[in-house]
């Protein structure tokens, strides 16, 4: 896919018609294209939007994109942010415009989305053994010499299955050996000896080409700075050992990749220690949750808490709801629940109350539970909260916030909706 056709694919998103598929949008916008609605620059609070409606802050999104661009550049890191967070091609391209090497993904169908919108470099953070998916990847590599695809391998059996599915392919699939983060971790090879066996299996094929090593430090058991750093040094040592053994002979570079959203400072520190190898090293960071950040899980875990001099991410999501019941002085219900709000890690957080165009802190209000379509609120005595008030909720875990909303208003600080972000889950 050419750059022009990628731009055309993004432009077609603006041609999609607004209808019943997209919750929260103004009912009177039905029949307009997304582009036409965006051009109206309606106000989220006065322009006919219905609650619940998820809003993504335009200013905070841009801040987060710029911050990670500066951070990765400062630390000499290439960046392939994890696209499964948003599954929003518009955001993929903005991340690339802000210096990203490419996009990390988790599943083959996510690669199909990325390719449909012209993403040229994809790191797949899993082993792929599905024959149909592998044949589709091989066809894509054959059709587009600019398409680069790298995925993990973590077993000899996996290598055998990949090799069988890819027989006859014109370009070998680039792979990295995934080192597990320890016993009891998720995927990955458990020991260095087993890593060598997997690498030997790759070398015995014509369909695969070993280009590096990778892993996910977020799975380190009882993770702390010391344990994470020790594991990252194992990963770097594995790359160096493979290099000494000549396993990367004939390549242009060696990929060493890690980095979730909780320990990228440790990744930066350890990757700075990578010794000179026989080839240039692509130090590839894969953190993805930064794009929207959050009010709970990642607010607590972000490495910027440990290195505040490097900056701070800003939570960019707010779920606007409306009080629909106030049965007692201690209880209220708003019209958003499990179908609308991320809840797999933390419940939402009541942040602000809006009434008559005036916004104030939601002091004395907390979310205690979620039903399918309601949030249960507890209010302290004397809390000023009425049926009809809008309540803005902060959310925890970006990955399960994006996936509940197929079209998300991008909102400036004064409430002006300047665009709409399309997601594909």
Protein backbone atom coordinates (compact mmCIF):
# COMPACT_ATOMS: atom_id res chain seq x y z
CA UNK A 1 0.00 0.00 0.00
CA UNK A 2 1.36 3.40 -0.97
CA UNK A 3 1.40 6.49 1.23
CA UNK A 4 -1.30 7.99 -0.98
CA UNK A 5 -3.59 4.97 -0.58
CA UNK A 6 -2.99 5.02 3.18
CA UNK A 7 -4.14 8.65 3.21
CA UNK A 8 -7.12 7.68 1.10
CA UNK A 9 -8.05 4.93 3.57
CA UNK A 10 -7.94 7.39 6.46
CA UNK A 11 -9.97 9.90 4.44
CA UNK A 12 -12.64 7.27 3.87
CA UNK A 13 -13.21 7.14 7.62
CA UNK A 14 -14.59 10.67 7.35
CA UNK A 15 -17.05 9.47 4.69
CA UNK A 16 -18.71 6.96 7.02
CA UNK A 17 -22.31 7.84 7.82
CA UNK A 18 -23.33 8.64 11.38
CA UNK A 19 -26.11 6.32 12.52
CA UNK A 20 -27.31 4.00 15.29
CA UNK A 21 -23.98 2.13 15.44
CA UNK A 22 -22.28 5.00 17.25
CA UNK A 23 -23.52 5.68 20.75
CA UNK A 24 -23.47 9.10 22.31
CA UNK A 25 -23.56 11.03 19.03
CA UNK A 26 -26.31 13.61 18.38
CA UNK A 27 -29.50 11.96 17.09
CA UNK A 28 -30.03 14.80 14.65
CA UNK A 29 -26.65 14.03 13.05
CA UNK A 30 -28.01 10.80 11.56
CA UNK A 31 -27.19 10.68 7.86
CA UNK A 32 -24.29 13.11 8.05
CA UNK A 33 -20.83 11.81 7.33
CA UNK A 34 -18.34 11.78 10.16
CA UNK A 35 -16.43 14.49 8.32
CA UNK A 36 -19.51 16.66 7.96
CA UNK A 37 -20.30 16.30 11.66
CA UNK A 38 -16.71 17.12 12.60
CA UNK A 39 -16.82 20.23 10.41
CA UNK A 40 -19.77 21.51 12.44
CA UNK A 41 -17.49 21.67 15.51
CA UNK A 42 -20.37 21.03 17.86
CA UNK A 43 -19.98 21.43 21.58
CA UNK A 44 -20.04 18.21 23.56
CA UNK A 45 -22.33 19.73 26.19
CA UNK A 46 -24.68 21.85 24.09
CA UNK A 47 -24.50 20.28 20.65
CA UNK A 48 -26.98 17.45 21.06
CA UNK A 49 -24.68 14.67 22.27
CA UNK A 50 -26.44 12.12 24.47
CA UNK A 51 -25.11 10.48 27.60
CA UNK A 52 -23.21 8.36 28.15
CA UNK A 53 -20.52 9.64 25.81
CA UNK A 54 -16.80 9.00 25.98
CA UNK A 55 -14.58 12.00 25.22
CA UNK A 56 -10.89 11.99 24.33
CA UNK A 57 -9.06 15.22 25.16
CA UNK A 58 -7.39 16.70 22.09
CA UNK A 59 -4.84 18.63 24.14
CA UNK A 60 -3.90 15.74 26.43
CA UNK A 61 -3.63 13.31 23.55
CA UNK A 62 -1.20 15.63 21.79
CA UNK A 63 0.76 16.13 25.01
CA UNK A 64 1.18 12.38 25.48
CA UNK A 65 2.24 11.84 21.87
CA UNK A 66 4.87 14.57 22.13
CA UNK A 67 6.13 13.43 25.53
CA UNK A 68 6.89 9.87 24.40
CA UNK A 69 8.42 11.14 21.17
CA UNK A 70 10.84 13.25 23.20
CA UNK A 71 11.45 10.50 25.76
CA UNK A 72 12.32 7.80 23.23
CA UNK A 73 14.51 10.15 21.23
CA UNK A 74 16.37 11.25 24.36
CA UNK A 75 17.10 7.63 25.29
CA UNK A 76 18.04 6.43 21.82
CA UNK A 77 15.07 4.09 21.56
CA UNK A 78 13.09 3.12 18.49
CA UNK A 79 9.38 3.05 19.30
CA UNK A 80 6.66 0.66 18.17
CA UNK A 81 3.75 1.51 20.50
CA UNK A 82 1.29 -1.28 21.10
CA UNK A 83 -1.67 -0.66 18.82
CA UNK A 84 -3.97 -3.10 20.60
CA UNK A 85 -4.52 -0.32 23.14
CA UNK A 86 -6.57 1.82 20.79
CA UNK A 87 -7.01 -0.16 17.56
CA UNK A 88 -7.48 3.27 15.99
CA UNK A 89 -5.66 3.74 12.67
CA UNK A 90 -5.91 7.53 13.01
CA UNK A 91 -3.92 7.27 16.22
CA UNK A 92 -1.47 4.80 14.67
CA UNK A 93 -0.60 7.40 12.06
CA UNK A 94 -0.33 10.17 14.61
CA UNK A 95 2.06 7.98 16.61
CA UNK A 96 4.17 7.44 13.49
CA UNK A 97 4.09 11.18 12.76
CA UNK A 98 5.50 11.60 16.26
CA UNK A 99 8.49 9.43 15.46
CA UNK A 100 7.29 5.84 15.95
CA UNK A 101 9.23 3.22 13.98
CA UNK A 102 6.07 1.19 13.48
CA UNK A 103 3.17 -0.32 15.42
CA UNK A 104 3.14 -3.35 17.71
CA UNK A 105 0.11 -5.61 17.54
CA UNK A 106 -1.01 -8.78 19.27
CA UNK A 107 -3.14 -10.76 16.82
CA UNK A 108 -3.20 -11.33 13.05
CA UNK A 109 -6.60 -9.67 12.62
CA UNK A 110 -5.11 -6.52 14.17
CA UNK A 111 -2.37 -6.66 11.53
CA UNK A 112 -5.09 -6.75 8.88
CA UNK A 113 -6.54 -3.53 10.30
CA UNK A 114 -3.14 -1.85 10.34
CA UNK A 115 -2.34 -2.93 6.80
CA UNK A 116 -5.72 -1.73 5.55
CA UNK A 117 -4.65 1.73 6.68
CA UNK A 118 -1.14 1.64 5.29
CA UNK A 119 1.01 0.77 8.32
CA UNK A 120 4.31 -0.38 6.85
CA UNK A 121 6.14 -1.76 9.88
CA UNK A 122 4.48 -4.19 12.28
CA UNK A 123 5.94 -5.97 15.29
CA UNK A 124 3.65 -8.80 16.37
CA UNK A 125 4.26 -9.56 20.03
CA UNK A 126 3.18 -13.19 19.80
CA UNK A 127 4.00 -16.39 17.96
CA UNK A 128 1.71 -17.01 14.97
CA UNK A 129 0.92 -20.64 14.12
CA UNK A 130 -2.40 -20.23 12.26
CA UNK A 131 -1.74 -21.36 8.65
CA UNK A 132 -4.32 -19.03 7.11
CA UNK A 133 -2.91 -16.04 8.94
CA UNK A 134 0.66 -16.95 7.99
CA UNK A 135 -0.27 -17.34 4.32
CA UNK A 136 -1.96 -13.93 4.39
CA UNK A 137 1.18 -12.41 5.92
CA UNK A 138 3.36 -14.10 3.29
CA UNK A 139 1.13 -12.78 0.51
CA UNK A 140 1.39 -9.27 1.98
CA UNK A 141 5.18 -9.48 2.11
CA UNK A 142 5.31 -10.65 -1.49
CA UNK A 143 2.95 -7.94 -2.72
CA UNK A 144 4.61 -5.03 -0.91
CA UNK A 145 8.41 -4.79 -0.68
CA UNK A 146 8.01 -1.89 1.80
CA UNK A 147 6.02 -4.01 4.28
CA UNK A 148 8.15 -5.16 7.21
CA UNK A 149 6.70 -7.74 9.58
CA UNK A 150 8.44 -9.16 12.65
CA UNK A 151 6.91 -11.65 15.09
CA UNK A 152 7.95 -13.75 18.06
CA UNK A 153 8.81 -17.43 18.22
CA UNK A 154 8.89 -19.28 21.51
CA UNK A 155 9.07 -23.01 20.72
CA UNK A 156 10.57 -25.49 18.30
CA UNK A 157 7.06 -26.78 17.62
CA UNK A 158 5.94 -23.27 16.74
CA UNK A 159 8.83 -22.89 14.31
CA UNK A 160 7.88 -26.18 12.67
CA UNK A 161 4.26 -25.11 12.24
CA UNK A 162 5.27 -21.73 10.84
CA UNK A 163 7.71 -23.34 8.43
CA UNK A 164 5.08 -25.78 7.16
CA UNK A 165 2.55 -23.00 6.55
CA UNK A 166 5.06 -20.73 4.81
CA UNK A 167 6.58 -23.22 2.37
CA UNK A 168 6.85 -21.59 -1.03
CA UNK A 169 6.76 -18.03 0.28
CA UNK A 170 9.02 -15.64 -1.62
CA UNK A 171 10.19 -13.67 1.43
CA UNK A 172 11.14 -15.19 4.78
CA UNK A 173 9.23 -13.99 7.81
CA UNK A 174 11.46 -12.15 10.28
CA UNK A 175 11.29 -13.53 13.81
CA UNK A 176 12.69 -12.77 17.25
CA UNK A 177 13.12 -15.37 19.97
CA UNK A 178 10.92 -14.45 22.91
CA UNK A 179 12.54 -14.86 26.32
CA UNK A 180 9.99 -15.53 29.07
CA UNK A 181 10.00 -13.20 32.03
CA UNK A 182 10.43 -16.12 34.43
CA UNK A 183 8.73 -19.24 35.70
CA UNK A 184 4.99 -18.74 35.78
CA UNK A 185 5.18 -15.89 33.28
CA UNK A 186 2.98 -15.77 30.22
CA UNK A 187 4.54 -16.74 26.87
CA UNK A 188 8.20 -17.08 25.94
CA UNK A 189 11.05 -19.55 26.19
CA UNK A 190 11.99 -20.30 29.78
CA UNK A 191 15.74 -20.89 29.57
CA UNK A 192 18.66 -19.67 27.47
CA UNK A 193 19.39 -23.26 26.37
CA UNK A 194 15.86 -23.57 25.04
CA UNK A 195 16.23 -20.19 23.33
CA UNK A 196 19.26 -21.57 21.50
CA UNK A 197 17.25 -24.63 20.43
CA UNK A 198 14.51 -22.40 19.03
CA UNK A 199 17.11 -20.29 17.21
CA UNK A 200 18.63 -23.47 15.75
CA UNK A 201 15.20 -24.51 14.53
CA UNK A 202 14.75 -21.15 12.81
CA UNK A 203 18.17 -21.50 11.18
CA UNK A 204 17.07 -24.85 9.78
CA UNK A 205 14.27 -23.28 7.74
CA UNK A 206 14.17 -21.21 4.57
CA UNK A 207 10.91 -19.56 5.51
CA UNK A 208 12.01 -17.78 8.70
CA UNK A 209 14.89 -15.44 9.47
CA UNK A 210 16.16 -14.69 12.97
CA UNK A 211 16.59 -10.94 13.49
CA UNK A 212 16.70 -10.52 17.27
CA UNK A 213 15.30 -11.23 20.71
CA UNK A 214 12.35 -9.83 22.61
CA UNK A 215 10.29 -10.17 25.77
CA UNK A 216 7.84 -8.47 28.07
CA UNK A 217 9.20 -7.35 31.42
CA UNK A 218 5.72 -6.67 32.76
CA UNK A 219 5.39 -10.39 33.39
CA UNK A 220 8.39 -10.60 35.73
CA UNK A 221 7.10 -12.29 38.90
CA UNK A 222 6.86 -9.91 41.90
CA UNK A 223 8.18 -7.18 39.63
CA UNK A 224 10.29 -4.43 41.14
CA UNK A 225 13.16 -2.41 39.72
CA UNK A 226 15.79 -4.94 40.75
CA UNK A 227 13.98 -7.98 39.33
CA UNK A 228 12.96 -6.22 36.13
CA UNK A 229 16.49 -4.91 35.58
CA UNK A 230 17.95 -8.38 36.14
CA UNK A 231 15.60 -9.90 33.56
CA UNK A 232 16.30 -7.16 31.02
CA UNK A 233 20.01 -7.85 31.40
CA UNK A 234 19.30 -11.51 30.66
CA UNK A 235 17.56 -10.41 27.46
CA UNK A 236 20.52 -8.24 26.43
CA UNK A 237 22.97 -11.03 27.25
CA UNK A 238 20.93 -13.42 25.10
CA UNK A 239 21.23 -11.05 22.14
CA UNK A 240 24.99 -10.77 22.70
CA UNK A 241 25.40 -14.55 22.97
CA UNK A 242 23.41 -15.10 19.78
CA UNK A 243 25.60 -12.51 18.04
CA UNK A 244 28.83 -14.17 19.15
CA UNK A 245 27.45 -17.46 17.85
CA UNK A 246 26.87 -15.87 14.44
CA UNK A 247 23.12 -16.28 14.54
CA UNK A 248 22.50 -12.84 12.98
CA UNK A 249 24.97 -13.23 10.14
CA UNK A 250 23.74 -11.56 6.98
CA UNK A 251 21.29 -9.21 8.70
CA UNK A 252 21.36 -5.42 8.61
CA UNK A 253 20.62 -4.97 12.30
CA UNK A 254 19.79 -6.81 15.51
CA UNK A 255 16.43 -6.16 17.18
CA UNK A 256 16.31 -6.13 20.97
CA UNK A 257 12.78 -5.37 22.10
CA UNK A 258 10.86 -5.01 25.37
CA UNK A 259 8.73 -2.45 27.09
CA UNK A 260 5.23 -2.37 28.45
CA UNK A 261 3.85 0.77 30.06
CA UNK A 262 5.02 0.17 33.63
CA UNK A 263 8.81 -0.28 33.31
CA UNK A 264 10.00 1.57 30.24
CA UNK A 265 12.44 3.55 32.39
CA UNK A 266 14.19 0.31 33.30
CA UNK A 267 14.18 -0.69 29.63
CA UNK A 268 15.79 2.63 28.69
CA UNK A 269 18.47 2.22 31.38
CA UNK A 270 19.38 -1.37 30.51
CA UNK A 271 19.22 -0.88 26.75
CA UNK A 272 21.69 2.00 27.19
CA UNK A 273 24.10 -0.66 28.48
CA UNK A 274 23.90 -2.85 25.35
CA UNK A 275 27.50 -3.51 24.30
CA UNK A 276 28.75 -2.98 20.78
CA UNK A 277 27.64 -5.94 18.69
CA UNK A 278 28.60 -6.98 15.18
CA UNK A 279 25.64 -5.08 13.74
CA UNK A 280 23.67 -1.96 14.68
CA UNK A 281 21.05 -2.64 17.38
CA UNK A 282 17.44 -1.53 16.99
CA UNK A 283 16.40 -0.91 20.60
CA UNK A 284 12.67 -1.28 20.20
CA UNK A 285 10.28 -0.09 22.93
CA UNK A 286 6.64 -1.22 22.69
CA UNK A 287 4.71 0.72 25.37
CA UNK A 288 1.18 1.57 24.23
CA UNK A 289 -1.06 2.76 27.08
CA UNK A 290 0.61 6.19 27.10
CA UNK A 291 -1.53 7.37 24.19
CA UNK A 292 -4.49 8.07 26.45
CA UNK A 293 -2.95 7.16 29.83
CA UNK A 294 -5.58 6.72 32.57
CA UNK A 295 -6.83 7.79 36.00
CA UNK A 296 -6.08 4.56 37.86
CA UNK A 297 -3.85 1.64 36.93
CA UNK A 298 -1.29 3.47 34.81
CA UNK A 299 -1.45 6.68 36.81
CA UNK A 300 -0.07 4.56 39.67
CA UNK A 301 2.37 2.47 37.61
CA UNK A 302 3.80 4.93 35.10
CA UNK A 303 7.59 5.18 35.18
CA UNK A 304 7.26 8.95 35.13
CA UNK A 305 6.39 8.66 38.83
CA UNK A 306 9.96 7.41 39.33
CA UNK A 307 11.54 9.92 36.94
CA UNK A 308 9.39 13.06 37.30
CA UNK A 309 12.12 15.18 35.74
CA UNK A 310 11.30 13.46 32.42
CA UNK A 311 7.73 14.80 32.38
CA UNK A 312 4.29 13.39 33.11
CA UNK A 313 1.57 11.74 31.06
CA UNK A 314 -1.96 13.14 31.27
CA UNK A 315 -5.18 11.10 31.45
CA UNK A 316 -7.03 11.89 28.23
CA UNK A 317 -10.34 10.03 28.67
CA UNK A 318 -13.48 11.23 30.42
CA UNK A 319 -16.78 9.36 30.33
CA UNK A 320 -19.68 11.77 30.61
CA UNK A 321 -22.77 10.33 32.27
CA UNK A 322 -26.02 11.71 33.64
CA UNK A 323 -27.73 11.21 36.98
CA UNK A 324 -30.96 9.34 36.28
CA UNK A 325 -31.94 8.40 39.83
CA UNK A 326 -31.33 9.88 43.29
CA UNK A 327 -33.30 7.53 45.55
CA UNK A 328 -31.66 8.54 48.84
CA UNK A 329 -29.33 11.19 50.23
CA UNK A 330 -26.51 8.62 50.17
CA UNK A 331 -27.10 7.08 46.77
CA UNK A 332 -27.40 8.01 43.11
CA UNK A 333 -27.27 6.26 39.77
CA UNK A 334 -25.82 7.45 36.47
CA UNK A 335 -26.57 5.99 33.06
CA UNK A 336 -23.28 4.25 32.25
CA UNK A 337 -22.18 0.80 33.29
CA UNK A 338 -20.11 -2.18 32.26
CA UNK A 339 -21.05 -1.74 28.60
CA UNK A 340 -19.60 1.77 28.60
CA UNK A 341 -16.78 1.97 31.15
CA UNK A 342 -13.57 0.01 31.64
CA UNK A 343 -13.88 -1.97 34.87
CA UNK A 344 -11.47 -4.91 34.59
CA UNK A 345 -8.86 -3.30 36.87
CA UNK A 346 -10.51 -0.42 38.73
CA UNK A 347 -14.00 1.03 38.90
CA UNK A 348 -14.40 4.48 37.33
CA UNK A 349 -13.64 7.57 39.40
CA UNK A 350 -16.14 10.41 39.84
CA UNK A 351 -14.24 13.56 38.88
CA UNK A 352 -16.56 16.45 38.08
CA UNK A 353 -20.22 17.45 38.20
CA UNK A 354 -21.65 19.68 35.51
CA UNK A 355 -24.89 21.62 35.90
CA UNK A 356 -26.09 24.58 33.88
CA UNK A 357 -22.77 24.92 32.11
CA UNK A 358 -20.83 25.15 35.39
CA UNK A 359 -18.33 22.42 36.26
CA UNK A 360 -17.11 21.65 39.77
CA UNK A 361 -15.23 18.82 41.49
CA UNK A 362 -17.27 15.74 42.35
CA UNK A 363 -16.43 16.01 46.03
CA UNK A 364 -18.25 13.47 48.14
CA UNK A 365 -19.12 11.23 45.18
CA UNK A 366 -17.65 7.78 44.57
CA UNK A 367 -18.46 4.85 42.29
CA UNK A 368 -19.11 1.69 44.28
CA UNK A 369 -20.35 -0.76 41.64
CA UNK A 370 -21.37 -1.15 38.01
CA UNK A 371 -24.40 -2.84 36.53
CA UNK A 372 -24.67 -3.37 32.79
CA UNK A 373 -26.02 0.13 32.16
CA UNK A 374 -25.75 1.92 35.50
CA UNK A 375 -23.00 3.07 37.82
CA UNK A 376 -23.83 3.01 41.52
CA UNK A 377 -22.74 6.18 43.27
CA UNK A 378 -22.29 6.74 46.98
CA UNK A 379 -22.62 10.33 48.17
CA UNK A 380 -21.60 11.79 51.50
CA UNK A 381 -24.13 13.79 53.54
CA UNK A 382 -24.85 17.18 52.05
CA UNK A 383 -23.49 16.37 48.59
CA UNK A 384 -25.14 18.58 45.99
CA UNK A 385 -26.13 16.13 43.26
CA UNK A 386 -29.43 16.14 41.38
CA UNK A 387 -31.18 14.09 38.71
CA UNK A 388 -30.11 15.54 35.37
CA UNK A 389 -26.60 16.54 36.45
CA UNK A 390 -23.77 15.40 34.22
CA UNK A 391 -21.03 13.48 36.03
CA UNK A 392 -17.63 13.10 34.40
CA UNK A 393 -15.92 9.82 35.21
CA UNK A 394 -12.22 9.05 34.94
CA UNK A 395 -11.34 5.56 33.74
CA UNK A 396 -8.69 2.97 34.49
CA UNK A 397 -7.05 0.79 31.79
CA UNK A 398 -7.05 2.37 28.32
CA UNK A 399 -7.19 -0.96 26.49
CA UNK A 400 -10.69 -1.75 27.75
CA UNK A 401 -11.86 1.84 27.39
CA UNK A 402 -11.19 2.16 23.67
CA UNK A 403 -12.82 -1.17 22.83
CA UNK A 404 -16.28 -0.17 24.09
CA UNK A 405 -16.57 2.86 21.79
CA UNK A 406 -16.37 2.50 18.00
CA UNK A 407 -16.41 6.27 17.39
CA UNK A 408 -14.95 8.60 20.03
CA UNK A 409 -15.30 12.39 19.98
CA UNK A 410 -11.97 14.23 20.14
CA UNK A 411 -12.74 17.22 22.34
CA UNK A 412 -10.93 20.47 23.04
CA UNK A 413 -10.85 21.95 26.54
CA UNK A 414 -13.84 24.23 25.87
CA UNK A 415 -15.98 21.27 24.75
CA UNK A 416 -15.57 21.76 21.00
CA UNK A 417 -15.54 18.42 19.18
CA UNK A 418 -12.89 18.69 16.47
CA UNK A 419 -12.76 15.12 15.17
CA UNK A 420 -13.91 11.55 15.78
CA UNK A 421 -11.59 8.59 16.37
CA UNK A 422 -12.72 5.30 14.78
CA UNK A 423 -11.74 2.06 16.51
CA UNK A 424 -11.67 -1.47 15.07
CA UNK A 425 -11.96 -4.26 17.64
